């Protein structure tokens, strides 16, 4: 087996066991045994379960970026670009709904390395934020300059909220989450309109200050 195939096998096995047994109850030894490997082999590729989660994050963001790039046709309005990106994300994560339920309590813990806002999650987080920068930068008509630096992170934080909703969504195929996307994406239009108004700069500055608090590292 090629080295990359071994790494992939360990990650796929871990995700399945996290879903079946729960994150806390799954050990690295159990993952290795289930994958037909020696525990030392599993630890060679991943120092622990937190690294497995980070590898999963990177996999999801890489697939999302690839899918988003294919869906973001030139010349689309901001609303259409954002809608396409969010539905692409839901397509990518659809097979992992059970895994999301298995570890969400770990991921939302402020001190957990698996928290999407943790330092350990920085590589995957930056991949994801880059997608929303692309959404804004390529929109036609052009997004007002005064929100070019603010809107991507605002959209990304909203994306985290949609992801959490998806984790808890029990509707068939999580179709409620897709309806939520379709209902909320148009709200970006009034944000852009406000930014074009003479007094819009003050509102943008307030949003920028709030984002600085939300995104600061602790």
Protein backbone atom coordinates (compact mmCIF):
# COMPACT_ATOMS: atom_id res chain seq x y z
CA UNK A 1 0.00 0.00 0.00
CA UNK A 2 1.32 3.42 -0.96
CA UNK A 3 2.08 5.77 1.96
CA UNK A 4 -0.65 8.20 0.94
CA UNK A 5 -3.13 5.33 0.75
CA UNK A 6 -2.24 4.31 4.30
CA UNK A 7 -2.83 7.83 5.55
CA UNK A 8 -6.16 7.94 3.72
CA UNK A 9 -7.18 4.57 5.17
CA UNK A 10 -6.47 5.75 8.71
CA UNK A 11 -8.48 8.93 8.22
CA UNK A 12 -11.44 7.16 6.60
CA UNK A 13 -11.45 4.52 9.36
CA UNK A 14 -11.32 7.19 12.05
CA UNK A 15 -14.27 9.10 10.59
CA UNK A 16 -16.34 5.92 10.47
CA UNK A 17 -15.52 5.00 14.07
CA UNK A 18 -16.19 8.53 15.28
CA UNK A 19 -19.65 8.25 13.77
CA UNK A 20 -20.31 4.72 15.07
CA UNK A 21 -18.80 4.95 18.57
CA UNK A 22 -18.49 8.68 19.23
CA UNK A 23 -15.37 10.81 19.25
CA UNK A 24 -14.54 10.38 22.95
CA UNK A 25 -14.96 6.58 22.90
CA UNK A 26 -12.74 6.04 19.85
CA UNK A 27 -9.05 5.49 20.57
CA UNK A 28 -6.09 5.63 18.22
CA UNK A 29 -5.47 1.95 18.96
CA UNK A 30 -9.02 1.10 17.94
CA UNK A 31 -8.59 3.05 14.72
CA UNK A 32 -5.36 1.20 13.93
CA UNK A 33 -6.85 -2.23 14.66
CA UNK A 34 -9.94 -1.51 12.58
CA UNK A 35 -7.73 -0.38 9.69
CA UNK A 36 -5.63 -3.54 9.98
CA UNK A 37 -2.52 -1.65 11.05
CA UNK A 38 -0.17 -1.62 14.00
CA UNK A 39 -0.85 1.25 16.44
CA UNK A 40 2.66 2.53 15.79
CA UNK A 41 1.77 2.89 12.10
CA UNK A 42 -1.26 5.00 12.93
CA UNK A 43 0.79 7.20 15.25
CA UNK A 44 3.41 7.61 12.54
CA UNK A 45 0.85 9.44 10.40
CA UNK A 46 -1.20 11.16 13.10
CA UNK A 47 -0.06 12.15 16.57
CA UNK A 48 -3.60 11.78 17.91
CA UNK A 49 -7.29 12.27 17.22
CA UNK A 50 -6.98 16.04 17.05
CA UNK A 51 -4.65 15.71 14.07
CA UNK A 52 -7.17 13.40 12.42
CA UNK A 53 -9.84 16.07 12.82
CA UNK A 54 -7.54 18.70 11.32
CA UNK A 55 -6.84 16.41 8.36
CA UNK A 56 -10.59 16.07 7.91
CA UNK A 57 -11.01 19.85 7.98
CA UNK A 58 -8.33 20.29 5.31
CA UNK A 59 -9.91 17.59 3.16
CA UNK A 60 -13.31 19.29 3.34
CA UNK A 61 -11.94 22.75 2.58
CA UNK A 62 -9.85 21.47 -0.33
CA UNK A 63 -12.87 19.76 -1.86
CA UNK A 64 -15.01 22.83 -1.21
CA UNK A 65 -12.49 25.11 -2.90
CA UNK A 66 -12.34 22.84 -5.93
CA UNK A 67 -16.13 22.61 -6.18
CA UNK A 68 -16.55 26.35 -5.63
CA UNK A 69 -14.02 27.19 -8.34
CA UNK A 70 -16.02 25.12 -10.80
CA UNK A 71 -19.30 26.79 -9.81
CA UNK A 72 -18.15 30.43 -9.69
CA UNK A 73 -18.70 31.45 -13.28
CA UNK A 74 -17.31 34.88 -14.22
CA UNK A 75 -19.77 37.76 -14.18
CA UNK A 76 -22.22 36.38 -11.62
CA UNK A 77 -23.82 38.73 -9.06
CA UNK A 78 -22.72 38.43 -5.45
CA UNK A 79 -25.93 36.68 -4.36
CA UNK A 80 -25.59 33.98 -7.02
CA UNK A 81 -21.91 33.44 -6.24
CA UNK A 82 -22.61 33.08 -2.53
CA UNK A 83 -25.53 30.73 -3.11
CA UNK A 84 -23.42 28.53 -5.39
CA UNK A 85 -20.59 28.35 -2.85
CA UNK A 86 -22.87 27.43 0.07
CA UNK A 87 -24.67 24.71 -1.87
CA UNK A 88 -21.30 23.38 -3.06
CA UNK A 89 -20.24 23.10 0.58
CA UNK A 90 -23.39 21.20 1.49
CA UNK A 91 -22.72 18.81 -1.39
CA UNK A 92 -19.19 18.19 -0.12
CA UNK A 93 -20.10 17.55 3.52
CA UNK A 94 -23.29 15.58 2.85
CA UNK A 95 -21.62 12.16 3.43
CA UNK A 96 -20.27 13.26 6.83
CA UNK A 97 -23.43 14.23 8.66
CA UNK A 98 -23.11 11.39 11.17
CA UNK A 99 -19.52 12.35 11.91
CA UNK A 100 -20.55 15.96 12.54
CA UNK A 101 -23.02 14.80 15.16
CA UNK A 102 -20.39 12.60 16.76
CA UNK A 103 -17.88 15.30 17.58
CA UNK A 104 -19.72 18.64 17.64
CA UNK A 105 -19.52 18.93 21.42
CA UNK A 106 -15.73 18.62 21.18
CA UNK A 107 -15.45 21.06 18.29
CA UNK A 108 -17.38 23.87 19.98
CA UNK A 109 -15.35 23.70 23.18
CA UNK A 110 -13.27 26.94 23.32
CA UNK A 111 -10.10 25.17 24.45
CA UNK A 112 -10.31 22.29 22.00
CA UNK A 113 -7.77 22.12 19.14
CA UNK A 114 -10.71 20.88 17.05
CA UNK A 115 -12.51 24.21 17.46
CA UNK A 116 -12.70 25.86 14.01
CA UNK A 117 -11.36 29.08 15.55
CA UNK A 118 -8.37 27.44 17.26
CA UNK A 119 -4.76 27.98 16.23
CA UNK A 120 -4.53 24.33 15.18
CA UNK A 121 -7.40 24.88 12.74
CA UNK A 122 -5.68 27.84 11.06
CA UNK A 123 -4.67 26.06 7.81
CA UNK A 124 -8.20 24.82 7.08
CA UNK A 125 -9.73 28.07 8.31
CA UNK A 126 -7.59 30.14 5.94
CA UNK A 127 -8.54 27.86 3.05
CA UNK A 128 -12.19 28.48 3.82
CA UNK A 129 -11.84 32.26 4.28
CA UNK A 130 -10.08 32.44 0.91
CA UNK A 131 -13.18 31.03 -0.77
CA UNK A 132 -15.29 33.91 0.54
CA UNK A 133 -12.68 36.46 -0.49
CA UNK A 134 -12.97 35.04 -4.00
CA UNK A 135 -16.78 35.20 -3.83
CA UNK A 136 -16.63 38.92 -3.06
CA UNK A 137 -13.73 39.84 -5.35
CA UNK A 138 -15.30 38.31 -8.47
CA UNK A 139 -18.84 39.64 -8.06
CA UNK A 140 -20.46 41.71 -10.82
CA UNK A 141 -21.40 44.46 -10.22
CA UNK A 142 -18.34 45.13 -8.10
CA UNK A 143 -18.82 45.10 -4.35
CA UNK A 144 -18.24 48.62 -2.88
CA UNK A 145 -14.62 49.21 -1.94
CA UNK A 146 -15.49 50.14 1.63
CA UNK A 147 -16.70 46.58 2.38
CA UNK A 148 -14.23 44.61 0.25
CA UNK A 149 -12.16 43.82 3.34
CA UNK A 150 -15.09 43.29 5.71
CA UNK A 151 -17.62 41.27 3.76
CA UNK A 152 -15.59 38.06 3.23
CA UNK A 153 -15.13 37.45 6.96
CA UNK A 154 -18.74 38.39 7.67
CA UNK A 155 -19.87 35.83 5.10
CA UNK A 156 -17.45 33.28 6.53
CA UNK A 157 -18.84 33.68 10.06
CA UNK A 158 -22.35 33.27 8.66
CA UNK A 159 -21.06 30.13 6.93
CA UNK A 160 -20.01 28.75 10.33
CA UNK A 161 -23.55 29.32 11.56
CA UNK A 162 -24.96 27.44 8.58
CA UNK A 163 -22.54 24.60 9.27
CA UNK A 164 -23.71 24.33 12.88
CA UNK A 165 -27.33 24.37 11.71
CA UNK A 166 -26.50 21.56 9.27
CA UNK A 167 -24.99 19.45 12.06
CA UNK A 168 -28.25 19.63 14.02
CA UNK A 169 -30.55 19.33 10.97
CA UNK A 170 -32.62 16.13 11.11
CA UNK A 171 -34.60 16.75 7.94
CA UNK A 172 -34.15 14.24 5.07
CA UNK A 173 -30.88 15.02 3.35
CA UNK A 174 -30.64 18.13 5.55
CA UNK A 175 -32.93 19.92 3.09
CA UNK A 176 -33.85 22.50 5.75
CA UNK A 177 -30.26 23.72 5.67
CA UNK A 178 -30.49 24.25 1.91
CA UNK A 179 -33.71 26.20 2.39
CA UNK A 180 -31.98 28.27 5.07
CA UNK A 181 -29.19 29.08 2.61
CA UNK A 182 -31.69 30.15 -0.03
CA UNK A 183 -33.57 32.29 2.51
CA UNK A 184 -30.52 34.05 3.97
CA UNK A 185 -28.20 34.57 0.99
CA UNK A 186 -30.31 37.46 -0.42
CA UNK A 187 -29.66 39.40 2.81
CA UNK A 188 -26.23 40.25 1.42
CA UNK A 189 -27.86 42.65 -1.05
CA UNK A 190 -29.02 45.26 1.51
CA UNK A 191 -25.58 45.11 3.13
CA UNK A 192 -24.01 46.18 -0.16
CA UNK A 193 -26.67 48.87 -0.63
CA UNK A 194 -26.02 50.35 2.80
CA UNK A 195 -22.30 50.52 2.02
CA UNK A 196 -23.05 52.71 -0.99
CA UNK A 197 -24.97 55.28 1.07
CA UNK A 198 -23.20 58.45 2.32
CA UNK A 199 -23.57 57.38 5.94
CA UNK A 200 -22.78 53.72 5.19
CA UNK A 201 -19.15 54.12 6.22
CA UNK A 202 -20.12 54.42 9.89
CA UNK A 203 -22.09 51.17 9.73
CA UNK A 204 -19.20 49.41 8.00
CA UNK A 205 -16.81 50.61 10.70
CA UNK A 206 -19.11 49.14 13.37
CA UNK A 207 -19.19 45.82 11.53
CA UNK A 208 -15.41 45.91 11.17
CA UNK A 209 -14.99 46.46 14.92
CA UNK A 210 -17.35 43.59 15.72
CA UNK A 211 -15.50 41.27 13.32
CA UNK A 212 -12.18 42.19 14.93
CA UNK A 213 -13.52 40.94 18.25
CA UNK A 214 -15.00 37.78 16.74
CA UNK A 215 -11.84 36.87 14.85
CA UNK A 216 -9.19 37.74 17.44
CA UNK A 217 -7.04 34.89 18.71
CA UNK A 218 -7.05 34.05 22.42
